[in-house]
């Protein structure tokens, strides 16, 4: 049984919409009509998409499968989930520029020294200075 067929067999109101393509009710939300697209690629990978916005992780979890189940067995060992993106900590220069922006937004005029510091910070960020 193909990976796509194993997924399709767990879904409701499945309709074939082409060779290796199906539409079905999304298991991750209260779906009344098919909003989930399933596509089997030539290399055995399976693409899933919910037009209502559910994530592949949520869709697979709702049918008792994991994201590696979207890949052929010979590729599953290469699958490594990506963790949440780390938010970049702003540099002192970026922080200074944001303070100046906030001051302007509040209607405060920057001093000549503040404007100079802001410009230098901007140039350092751009790699000019």
Protein backbone atom coordinates (compact mmCIF):
# COMPACT_ATOMS: atom_id res chain seq x y z
CA UNK A 1 0.00 0.00 0.00
CA UNK A 2 1.35 3.45 -0.89
CA UNK A 3 1.84 6.20 1.68
CA UNK A 4 -0.90 8.23 0.00
CA UNK A 5 -3.35 5.34 0.13
CA UNK A 6 -2.65 4.81 3.83
CA UNK A 7 -3.57 8.46 4.42
CA UNK A 8 -6.60 8.51 2.12
CA UNK A 9 -7.99 5.38 3.81
CA UNK A 10 -8.24 7.31 7.10
CA UNK A 11 -10.20 10.25 5.66
CA UNK A 12 -13.89 11.01 5.07
CA UNK A 13 -15.72 11.98 1.86
CA UNK A 14 -12.71 11.18 -0.32
CA UNK A 15 -12.98 12.01 -4.03
CA UNK A 16 -10.37 11.21 -6.65
CA UNK A 17 -9.61 14.35 -8.65
CA UNK A 18 -6.91 12.93 -10.90
CA UNK A 19 -4.11 10.42 -11.02
CA UNK A 20 -2.59 10.39 -7.51
CA UNK A 21 -4.77 13.31 -6.38
CA UNK A 22 -7.67 13.38 -3.93
CA UNK A 23 -9.89 15.82 -2.06
CA UNK A 24 -11.27 14.88 1.36
CA UNK A 25 -12.71 16.37 4.52
CA UNK A 26 -9.91 17.71 6.67
CA UNK A 27 -9.67 15.69 9.90
CA UNK A 28 -8.15 18.61 11.81
CA UNK A 29 -11.26 20.80 11.84
CA UNK A 30 -15.03 20.38 11.67
CA UNK A 31 -15.19 19.98 7.90
CA UNK A 32 -18.55 19.48 6.19
CA UNK A 33 -17.24 19.37 2.61
CA UNK A 34 -13.80 18.39 1.29
CA UNK A 35 -11.19 21.09 1.90
CA UNK A 36 -8.09 18.90 2.11
CA UNK A 37 -6.01 18.13 -0.96
CA UNK A 38 -3.77 15.05 -1.06
CA UNK A 39 -1.23 14.64 -3.86
CA UNK A 40 1.11 11.69 -4.35
CA UNK A 41 4.33 12.63 -6.15
CA UNK A 42 6.26 10.30 -8.45
CA UNK A 43 9.01 9.79 -5.86
CA UNK A 44 6.49 8.57 -3.26
CA UNK A 45 6.23 11.77 -1.23
CA UNK A 46 2.73 12.89 -0.28
CA UNK A 47 1.69 16.54 -0.20
CA UNK A 48 -1.27 17.58 1.92
CA UNK A 49 -2.96 20.97 2.06
CA UNK A 50 -6.03 22.24 3.90
CA UNK A 51 -7.69 25.19 2.21
CA UNK A 52 -9.10 26.23 5.61
CA UNK A 53 -5.56 26.70 6.94
CA UNK A 54 -4.88 23.64 9.09
CA UNK A 55 -1.22 22.66 9.35
CA UNK A 56 0.12 19.36 8.00
CA UNK A 57 1.13 18.47 11.56
CA UNK A 58 -2.45 18.94 12.80
CA UNK A 59 -3.93 17.01 9.87
CA UNK A 60 -1.58 14.05 10.30
CA UNK A 61 -2.03 13.97 14.08
CA UNK A 62 -5.82 13.93 13.64
CA UNK A 63 -5.57 10.64 11.69
CA UNK A 64 -2.99 9.10 14.00
CA UNK A 65 0.03 9.57 11.74
CA UNK A 66 3.22 11.63 11.87
CA UNK A 67 4.90 13.93 9.35
CA UNK A 68 7.49 11.28 8.36
CA UNK A 69 4.52 9.21 7.10
CA UNK A 70 4.34 11.68 4.20
CA UNK A 71 7.70 10.42 2.91
CA UNK A 72 8.78 7.10 1.39
CA UNK A 73 10.44 4.74 3.85
CA UNK A 74 13.84 5.21 2.24
CA UNK A 75 13.61 8.98 2.85
CA UNK A 76 12.09 8.98 6.33
CA UNK A 77 15.44 8.70 8.06
CA UNK A 78 16.40 12.04 6.51
CA UNK A 79 13.35 13.80 7.94
CA UNK A 80 14.18 16.11 10.81
CA UNK A 81 11.42 18.37 12.11
CA UNK A 82 12.40 22.00 12.36
CA UNK A 83 11.89 23.49 15.78
CA UNK A 84 10.32 26.86 16.36
CA UNK A 85 12.27 29.71 14.84
CA UNK A 86 14.38 31.59 17.27
CA UNK A 87 13.64 35.22 17.34
CA UNK A 88 16.67 37.32 16.57
CA UNK A 89 17.72 39.46 19.49
CA UNK A 90 17.92 43.06 18.32
CA UNK A 91 21.35 44.62 18.33
CA UNK A 92 22.06 47.80 20.25
CA UNK A 93 21.94 49.68 16.94
CA UNK A 94 18.52 48.25 16.05
CA UNK A 95 17.28 49.06 19.53
CA UNK A 96 18.51 52.65 19.24
CA UNK A 97 16.76 53.08 15.88
CA UNK A 98 13.49 51.75 17.35
CA UNK A 99 13.72 54.18 20.27
CA UNK A 100 14.18 57.08 17.83
CA UNK A 101 11.21 55.84 15.77
CA UNK A 102 9.03 55.66 18.87
CA UNK A 103 10.06 59.15 19.93
CA UNK A 104 9.08 60.52 16.51
CA UNK A 105 5.78 58.65 16.61
CA UNK A 106 5.02 60.32 19.94
CA UNK A 107 5.72 63.71 18.36
CA UNK A 108 9.02 64.35 20.13
CA UNK A 109 11.77 66.03 18.12
CA UNK A 110 15.14 64.33 18.31
CA UNK A 111 18.17 66.27 19.43
CA UNK A 112 21.10 66.74 17.05
CA UNK A 113 23.06 64.17 19.09
CA UNK A 114 20.21 61.63 18.90
CA UNK A 115 19.93 62.11 15.13
CA UNK A 116 23.69 61.61 14.74
CA UNK A 117 23.62 58.44 16.85
CA UNK A 118 20.64 57.12 14.89
CA UNK A 119 22.39 57.75 11.56
CA UNK A 120 25.59 56.05 12.73
CA UNK A 121 23.60 53.04 13.95
CA UNK A 122 21.82 52.85 10.61
CA UNK A 123 25.12 52.97 8.71
CA UNK A 124 26.64 50.24 10.94
CA UNK A 125 23.63 47.98 10.31
CA UNK A 126 23.96 48.54 6.55
CA UNK A 127 27.68 47.76 6.75
CA UNK A 128 28.70 51.21 5.57
CA UNK A 129 30.51 52.19 8.73
